[in-house]
Protein backbone atom coordinates (compact mmCIF):
# COMPACT_ATOMS: atom_id res chain seq x y z
CA MET A 1 104.59 106.85 144.33
CA ASP A 2 103.81 104.65 141.44
CA GLU A 3 107.08 102.62 140.35
CA ARG A 4 106.72 104.10 136.85
CA GLN A 5 107.00 107.58 138.20
CA LYS A 6 110.49 106.78 139.34
CA ILE A 7 111.66 105.95 135.81
CA LYS A 8 114.09 108.67 134.73
CA ARG A 9 116.49 106.86 132.03
CA ILE A 10 115.08 104.56 129.40
CA LEU A 11 116.40 102.72 126.33
CA ILE A 12 114.25 102.35 123.38
CA SER A 13 115.24 99.75 120.70
CA MET A 14 114.26 100.74 117.23
CA THR A 15 116.79 98.98 114.94
CA ALA A 16 114.58 98.83 111.85
CA HIS A 17 114.31 101.00 108.65
CA MET A 18 114.14 104.80 108.32
CA GLY A 19 110.37 104.67 107.97
CA ASP A 20 109.95 102.71 111.13
CA PHE A 21 112.17 105.04 112.95
CA ILE A 22 110.40 108.18 111.76
CA TRP A 23 106.96 106.88 113.06
CA ALA A 24 108.71 105.86 116.35
CA THR A 25 109.90 109.65 116.91
CA SER A 26 106.06 110.39 117.36
CA ALA A 27 106.17 108.15 120.64
CA PHE A 28 109.43 109.70 121.72
CA ALA A 29 107.65 113.03 121.32
CA VAL A 30 104.68 111.89 123.33
CA LEU A 31 106.94 111.00 126.20
CA LYS A 32 109.00 114.05 126.07
CA LYS A 33 105.84 116.24 126.08
CA THR A 34 104.44 114.74 129.25
CA TYR A 35 107.83 113.87 131.11
CA PRO A 36 110.42 116.17 129.80
CA ASP A 37 112.88 115.10 132.51
CA ILE A 38 113.03 111.46 131.38
CA LYS A 39 116.20 110.78 129.50
CA ILE A 40 115.68 108.82 126.25
CA THR A 41 118.39 106.87 124.60
CA ILE A 42 117.80 105.19 121.25
CA MET A 43 119.25 101.89 120.03
CA ALA A 44 119.44 102.40 116.27
CA PRO A 45 121.43 101.63 113.20
CA LYS A 46 124.18 104.00 112.30
CA THR A 47 122.54 104.29 108.88
CA ILE A 48 119.98 106.87 110.19
CA LYS A 49 122.42 108.62 112.55
CA GLU A 50 121.52 111.82 110.85
CA LEU A 51 117.97 111.65 112.21
CA ILE A 52 119.18 111.24 115.60
CA ILE A 53 121.97 113.80 116.19
CA ASN A 54 120.30 116.98 117.40
CA ASN A 55 116.86 115.52 117.39
CA PRO A 56 114.99 117.35 120.19
CA VAL A 57 113.26 114.35 121.42
CA ILE A 58 116.44 111.99 121.76
CA ASP A 59 119.03 112.54 124.40
CA SER A 60 121.60 110.05 123.19
CA ALA A 61 122.07 107.00 121.06
CA ILE A 62 123.68 103.43 121.00
CA TYR A 63 124.34 102.59 117.54
CA CYS A 64 123.79 99.03 116.33
CA PRO A 65 124.35 97.11 112.99
CA TYR A 66 121.78 97.36 110.28
CA SER A 67 118.91 94.82 110.52
CA ASP A 68 119.44 92.48 107.76
CA ASN A 69 118.13 88.96 108.20
CA ASN A 70 120.78 86.89 106.65
CA ALA A 71 123.15 84.52 108.58
CA LYS A 72 126.19 86.76 108.38
CA SER A 73 124.14 89.64 109.77
CA ARG A 74 122.65 87.65 112.61
CA LEU A 75 126.01 86.65 113.77
CA LYS A 76 127.32 90.26 113.60
CA LYS A 77 124.40 91.30 115.69
CA LEU A 78 125.02 88.51 118.16
CA LEU A 79 128.72 89.60 118.67
CA TRP A 80 127.60 93.26 118.79
CA ALA A 81 125.17 92.39 121.63
CA LEU A 82 127.64 90.54 123.68
CA ARG A 83 130.18 93.43 123.45
CA THR A 84 127.54 96.18 123.97
CA ALA A 85 125.72 94.62 127.03
CA PRO A 86 128.44 95.63 129.58
CA LYS A 87 128.27 99.20 128.38
CA VAL A 88 124.63 99.26 128.55
CA PHE A 89 124.84 97.75 132.11
CA PHE A 90 126.85 100.69 133.54
CA LYS A 91 124.29 103.26 132.13
CA ARG A 92 121.83 101.90 134.68
CA PHE A 93 118.67 102.30 132.61
CA ASP A 94 115.37 101.93 134.55
CA ALA A 95 113.56 100.35 131.60
CA ALA A 96 113.94 99.17 127.96
CA PHE A 97 111.32 99.62 125.36
CA ILE A 98 111.31 97.08 122.61
CA PHE A 99 109.62 98.57 119.55
CA ASP A 100 110.96 96.18 116.86
CA SER A 101 111.18 92.61 118.47
CA SER A 102 114.82 92.54 117.90
CA ARG A 103 116.41 89.52 119.23
CA ALA A 104 119.87 91.23 119.49
CA ALA A 105 118.24 94.09 121.40
CA ILE A 106 116.44 91.85 123.82
CA LEU A 107 119.74 89.76 124.48
CA THR A 108 121.52 93.09 125.03
CA VAL A 109 118.98 94.42 127.67
CA LYS A 110 118.71 91.06 129.41
CA LEU A 111 122.47 90.85 129.81
CA ALA A 112 122.53 94.35 130.84
CA ARG A 113 120.17 93.53 133.73
CA ILE A 114 117.66 96.27 132.84
CA PRO A 115 114.96 95.59 135.46
CA ARG A 116 111.94 96.42 133.22
CA ILE A 117 111.51 95.28 129.52
CA VAL A 118 108.42 96.68 127.84
CA GLY A 119 106.98 95.68 124.52
CA ALA A 120 103.80 94.82 122.64
CA ASP A 121 101.98 91.55 123.32
CA LEU A 122 101.22 90.89 119.55
CA PHE A 123 103.31 90.87 116.42
CA PHE A 124 103.15 93.76 114.10
CA SER A 125 101.39 91.60 111.62
CA GLY A 126 98.56 89.37 111.49
CA TYR A 127 95.30 89.01 113.47
CA ASP A 128 95.91 88.28 117.17
CA LYS A 129 99.38 86.74 116.51
CA PRO A 130 101.54 86.71 119.77
CA ASP A 131 104.94 88.38 119.44
CA PRO A 132 107.41 85.72 119.89
CA ALA A 133 109.64 88.18 121.72
CA ALA A 134 106.95 88.90 124.19
CA LYS A 135 107.91 86.07 126.53
CA TYR A 136 111.02 88.05 127.45
CA TYR A 137 108.95 91.15 128.53
CA THR A 138 108.28 92.13 132.03
CA ASP A 139 105.55 94.31 130.84
CA LYS A 140 103.44 93.22 127.86
CA ILE A 141 101.38 96.00 126.41
CA PRO A 142 98.08 95.01 124.82
CA VAL A 143 97.66 96.30 121.31
CA THR A 144 94.72 96.06 118.81
CA LYS A 145 94.07 92.51 117.57
CA ASP A 146 94.29 93.27 113.82
CA GLN A 147 97.94 94.54 113.46
CA ASP A 148 97.53 94.17 109.51
CA PHE A 149 95.50 97.31 109.70
CA SER A 150 96.92 99.37 112.56
CA HIS A 151 99.67 101.82 111.76
CA LEU A 152 102.90 101.19 113.12
CA SER A 153 103.05 104.68 114.73
CA THR A 154 99.86 103.88 116.59
CA ARG A 155 101.63 100.74 117.85
CA TYR A 156 104.77 102.54 119.10
CA GLN A 157 102.66 105.26 120.68
CA THR A 158 100.28 102.72 122.42
CA ILE A 159 103.48 101.07 123.99
CA ILE A 160 104.52 104.27 125.47
CA LYS A 161 101.23 105.83 126.37
CA SER A 162 99.79 102.53 127.95
CA PHE A 163 102.90 102.06 130.11
CA PHE A 164 103.22 105.65 131.37
CA GLY A 165 99.35 106.28 131.37
CA ILE A 166 99.81 109.26 128.88
CA TYR A 167 96.89 110.59 126.82
CA ASN A 168 98.85 113.19 124.61
CA ASN A 169 99.46 112.79 120.90
CA ALA A 170 102.42 113.88 118.73
CA LEU A 171 103.75 113.89 115.26
CA PRO A 172 106.97 112.42 114.12
CA VAL A 173 110.10 114.63 114.89
CA ILE A 174 113.41 115.00 113.04
CA PRO A 175 116.36 117.30 113.34
CA ASP A 176 116.22 120.83 111.86
CA SER A 177 116.89 120.56 108.07
CA SER A 178 116.82 124.12 106.99
CA LYS A 179 120.66 124.39 106.96
CA CYS A 180 120.40 122.04 104.01
CA ALA A 181 118.22 124.27 101.83
CA SER A 182 120.81 125.72 99.62
CA LYS A 183 122.37 122.20 98.72
CA ALA A 184 118.83 121.13 97.89
CA ALA A 185 118.28 123.96 95.75
CA SER A 186 121.38 123.39 93.76
CA LEU A 187 120.05 120.07 92.62
CA ILE A 188 117.07 121.76 90.80
CA LYS A 189 117.89 122.01 86.98
CA ASP A 190 114.76 123.42 85.52
CA LYS A 191 113.40 126.18 87.76
CA GLU A 192 110.00 126.88 86.00
CA PHE A 193 109.16 123.27 85.35
CA LEU A 194 106.94 120.96 87.40
CA ARG A 195 109.12 118.81 89.45
CA VAL A 196 108.36 115.09 90.29
CA ALA A 197 110.60 113.08 92.57
CA VAL A 198 110.72 109.42 91.66
CA CYS A 199 111.98 106.59 94.01
CA VAL A 200 112.20 103.42 92.06
CA ARG A 201 113.85 101.35 94.72
CA GLY A 202 114.34 101.59 98.49
CA ASN A 203 117.10 100.21 100.71
CA ARG A 204 119.08 97.41 99.24
CA THR A 205 117.07 94.56 101.13
CA SER A 206 113.71 96.02 100.22
CA THR A 207 110.87 93.54 98.98
CA ASN A 208 108.76 96.43 97.89
CA ILE A 209 109.89 96.73 94.39
CA TRP A 210 107.42 97.87 91.67
CA ASN A 211 108.86 96.72 88.27
CA ILE A 212 111.05 99.51 86.81
CA LYS A 213 109.27 99.37 83.58
CA ASN A 214 106.02 100.46 85.33
CA PHE A 215 107.84 103.63 86.62
CA GLN A 216 108.98 104.24 83.02
CA LYS A 217 105.39 104.02 81.88
CA VAL A 218 104.25 106.62 84.52
CA ILE A 219 107.10 109.03 83.65
CA GLU A 220 106.15 108.68 79.87
CA ALA A 221 102.43 109.42 80.61
CA LEU A 222 103.32 112.51 82.56
CA ASP A 223 105.87 113.60 80.19
CA ALA A 224 103.36 113.45 77.41
CA LYS A 225 100.70 115.29 79.49
CA PHE A 226 102.83 118.19 80.53
CA LYS A 227 105.19 120.20 78.41
CA SER A 228 107.39 121.71 81.18
CA ILE A 229 108.25 118.79 83.62
CA ALA A 230 111.34 117.46 85.01
CA PHE A 231 111.83 114.15 86.95
CA TYR A 232 114.39 113.55 89.71
CA LEU A 233 115.18 109.91 90.39
CA ILE A 234 116.22 109.88 94.17
CA GLY A 235 117.46 107.08 96.35
CA THR A 236 120.73 105.86 98.05
CA ALA A 237 123.96 105.57 96.01
CA ASP A 238 123.25 101.74 95.72
CA ALA A 239 120.25 102.75 93.70
CA TYR A 240 122.05 105.03 91.14
CA GLU A 241 122.83 102.36 88.52
CA TYR A 242 119.52 100.57 88.94
CA SER A 243 117.55 103.93 88.58
CA GLY A 244 119.71 105.05 85.60
CA GLN A 245 117.86 102.57 83.44
CA ILE A 246 115.14 105.02 82.90
CA ALA A 247 117.31 108.12 82.99
CA ASN A 248 117.01 108.30 79.14
CA LYS A 249 115.70 111.72 78.53
CA ASN A 250 116.98 115.30 78.97
CA ASN A 251 114.41 116.03 81.60
CA ILE A 252 115.06 112.91 83.96
CA TYR A 253 117.91 113.45 86.33
CA ASN A 254 119.48 110.76 88.33
CA ILE A 255 120.42 112.14 91.62
CA CYS A 256 120.63 108.94 93.76
CA GLY A 257 123.25 109.23 96.41
CA GLN A 258 123.68 112.96 96.09
CA THR A 259 121.67 113.94 99.20
CA SER A 260 122.00 113.12 102.88
CA LEU A 261 118.81 112.30 104.63
CA LEU A 262 118.19 115.91 105.74
CA GLU A 263 119.23 117.19 102.40
CA LEU A 264 116.60 114.99 100.97
CA LYS A 265 113.90 116.40 103.03
CA GLU A 266 114.84 119.85 101.84
CA PHE A 267 114.92 118.71 98.24
CA LEU A 268 111.57 117.18 98.45
CA LYS A 269 110.05 120.52 99.77
CA LEU A 270 111.09 121.82 96.56
CA CYS A 271 109.19 119.20 94.56
CA ASP A 272 105.55 119.08 93.49
CA LEU A 273 105.08 115.46 93.89
CA LEU A 274 106.82 112.16 95.01
CA ILE A 275 106.10 108.69 93.29
CA SER A 276 107.49 105.84 95.20
CA SER A 277 107.14 102.38 96.42
CA ASP A 278 106.77 101.93 100.19
CA THR A 279 110.27 103.11 101.39
CA GLY A 280 111.60 105.53 103.98
CA VAL A 281 111.26 108.22 101.27
CA ILE A 282 107.59 108.40 101.53
CA HIS A 283 107.83 109.26 105.14
CA THR A 284 110.50 112.04 104.66
CA ALA A 285 108.10 113.49 101.93
CA ALA A 286 105.27 113.33 104.65
CA LEU A 287 107.40 115.47 106.90
CA ALA A 288 108.25 117.74 103.92
CA ASP A 289 104.40 118.15 103.40
CA ILE A 290 104.38 117.55 99.74
CA ASN A 291 102.04 115.45 97.44
CA ILE A 292 102.69 111.74 97.51
CA VAL A 293 101.71 108.85 95.32
CA SER A 294 102.83 105.72 97.30
CA LEU A 295 102.69 102.05 96.29
CA HIS A 296 102.32 99.36 98.86
CA GLY A 297 103.03 95.55 98.86
CA TYR A 298 103.14 93.00 101.53
CA THR A 299 101.97 95.48 104.27
CA SER A 300 98.99 97.61 103.72
CA GLU A 301 99.00 101.45 103.68
CA ALA A 302 96.96 101.12 106.74
CA VAL A 303 100.20 99.74 108.46
CA THR A 304 103.01 101.56 106.61
CA GLY A 305 101.40 104.47 104.80
CA PRO A 306 102.76 108.00 104.93
CA MET A 307 101.22 110.13 107.80
CA SER A 308 100.10 112.80 105.39
CA HIS A 309 96.59 114.00 103.99
CA LYS A 310 98.35 114.79 100.71
CA ALA A 311 98.98 111.09 99.99
CA VAL A 312 97.26 108.87 97.42
CA THR A 313 98.00 105.21 98.05
CA PHE A 314 97.89 102.04 96.05
CA HIS A 315 97.53 98.64 97.61
CA ARG A 316 96.15 95.42 96.30
CA GLU A 317 95.25 92.25 98.49
CA PRO A 318 95.87 89.03 96.25
CA ASP A 319 94.96 85.54 97.64
CA CYS A 320 98.30 85.32 99.48
CA PHE A 321 97.76 88.48 101.50
CA PRO A 322 98.33 89.15 104.33
CA CYS A 323 101.89 87.77 104.24
CA ALA A 324 104.05 89.72 106.69
CA TYR A 325 103.74 87.40 109.68
CA ARG A 326 104.51 84.40 107.41
CA ALA A 327 107.50 86.15 105.81
CA GLU A 328 108.99 87.44 109.16
CA ILE A 329 108.08 84.66 111.55
CA GLU A 330 107.33 81.44 109.60
CA LYS A 331 110.11 82.40 107.06
CA ILE A 332 107.83 81.46 104.14
CA THR A 333 109.20 83.36 101.05
CA CYS A 334 106.89 85.25 98.63
CA PRO A 335 105.35 82.60 96.31
CA THR A 336 105.40 85.14 93.37
CA HIS A 337 108.98 86.61 94.00
CA PRO A 338 110.70 88.42 92.40
CA ASN A 339 107.45 89.91 90.95
CA PRO A 340 105.10 89.99 93.92
CA LYS A 341 101.56 89.74 92.92
CA CYS A 342 100.53 92.63 95.22
CA PHE A 343 102.66 94.82 93.23
CA VAL A 344 101.86 93.30 89.85
CA LEU A 345 98.29 94.09 90.33
CA ILE A 346 99.07 97.88 90.58
CA ASN A 347 98.46 99.19 87.10
CA PRO A 348 100.86 102.00 85.98
CA GLN A 349 98.05 103.82 84.23
CA GLU A 350 96.02 104.15 87.37
CA VAL A 351 99.20 105.55 89.13
CA ALA A 352 99.74 107.96 86.21
CA ASP A 353 96.19 109.17 86.43
CA ALA A 354 96.46 109.89 90.17
CA ALA A 355 99.80 111.81 89.53
CA ILE A 356 98.18 113.72 86.61
CA LYS A 357 95.17 114.77 88.81
CA ILE A 358 97.52 116.01 91.38
CA LEU A 359 99.79 117.90 88.96
CA GLU A 360 96.80 119.61 87.14
CA ARG A 361 95.63 121.18 90.52
CA ILE A 362 99.13 122.71 90.86
CA LYS A 363 99.84 123.57 87.23
């Protein structure tokens, strides 16, 4: 019997943001479809706990600190790894899969003496750039060379499919959100209006920020075009005050922080369109199967775009692109921060035109 066929308990490290986790669930689903008896434990941040509990492709979870990159966060993750490793050791995992290149995760599984550590040979960004974490892997999975134009869901599925010799495919999976439908419906103010959800900022550490004045211009253009239209500003509670800068009309509602992750999916199902920078919200919208206009910065839509045929994406490649590898590994900050050139080059009128075209088909 192949040693891989003896594997029954695995740990998968996916400690990154909500969008990355949603894509990763497609790899979990591929494995569960082929080997339903394998028990999958996820190492993930508590901030996305709602996407893990009752998820049919996840058996259990180990929750870790959120993946910030500042010194305080790194120390917190180090201490967490030292405390968690003994607990992981006694779970007797057969293999660990590192989806996120997390040093804390690698330290944890090494200390826990998990016999096989599996991950990609190349970093998620760049052309043929070795993953610095790969030196710790017992099994390095070859991925396509140009990771700047390979979707992360493909990367995650490749790790699983190559290791286990699987040829199935699967879409992302999250828990059933139907129980949240009534709460979502209660947030709709104008029942007969076109409904446009707008996310002007993602998580608190996101660098994918399009100038809020550009969002204002897009809203004004749509408001001038359609008589009966309502805008809903969505996001976390941290984004409430920031988003409130453009909640200056009676048909603009700021509901940041008023929905859980599953409630947000149900709310988006009631909307005609989402306009957003590259955040986890666009991937929730893809699962809700609605129209999306998404704006992408230092990673292209080929890497982090929504998995949806209803998405229109905007991405520009200035002379400093691609920069994800330099930012993540070489720690070279964006030369045009806090107004990244890749976002500055996206014109609000072209975004408005794309949104108008979508809404005219619905109207």
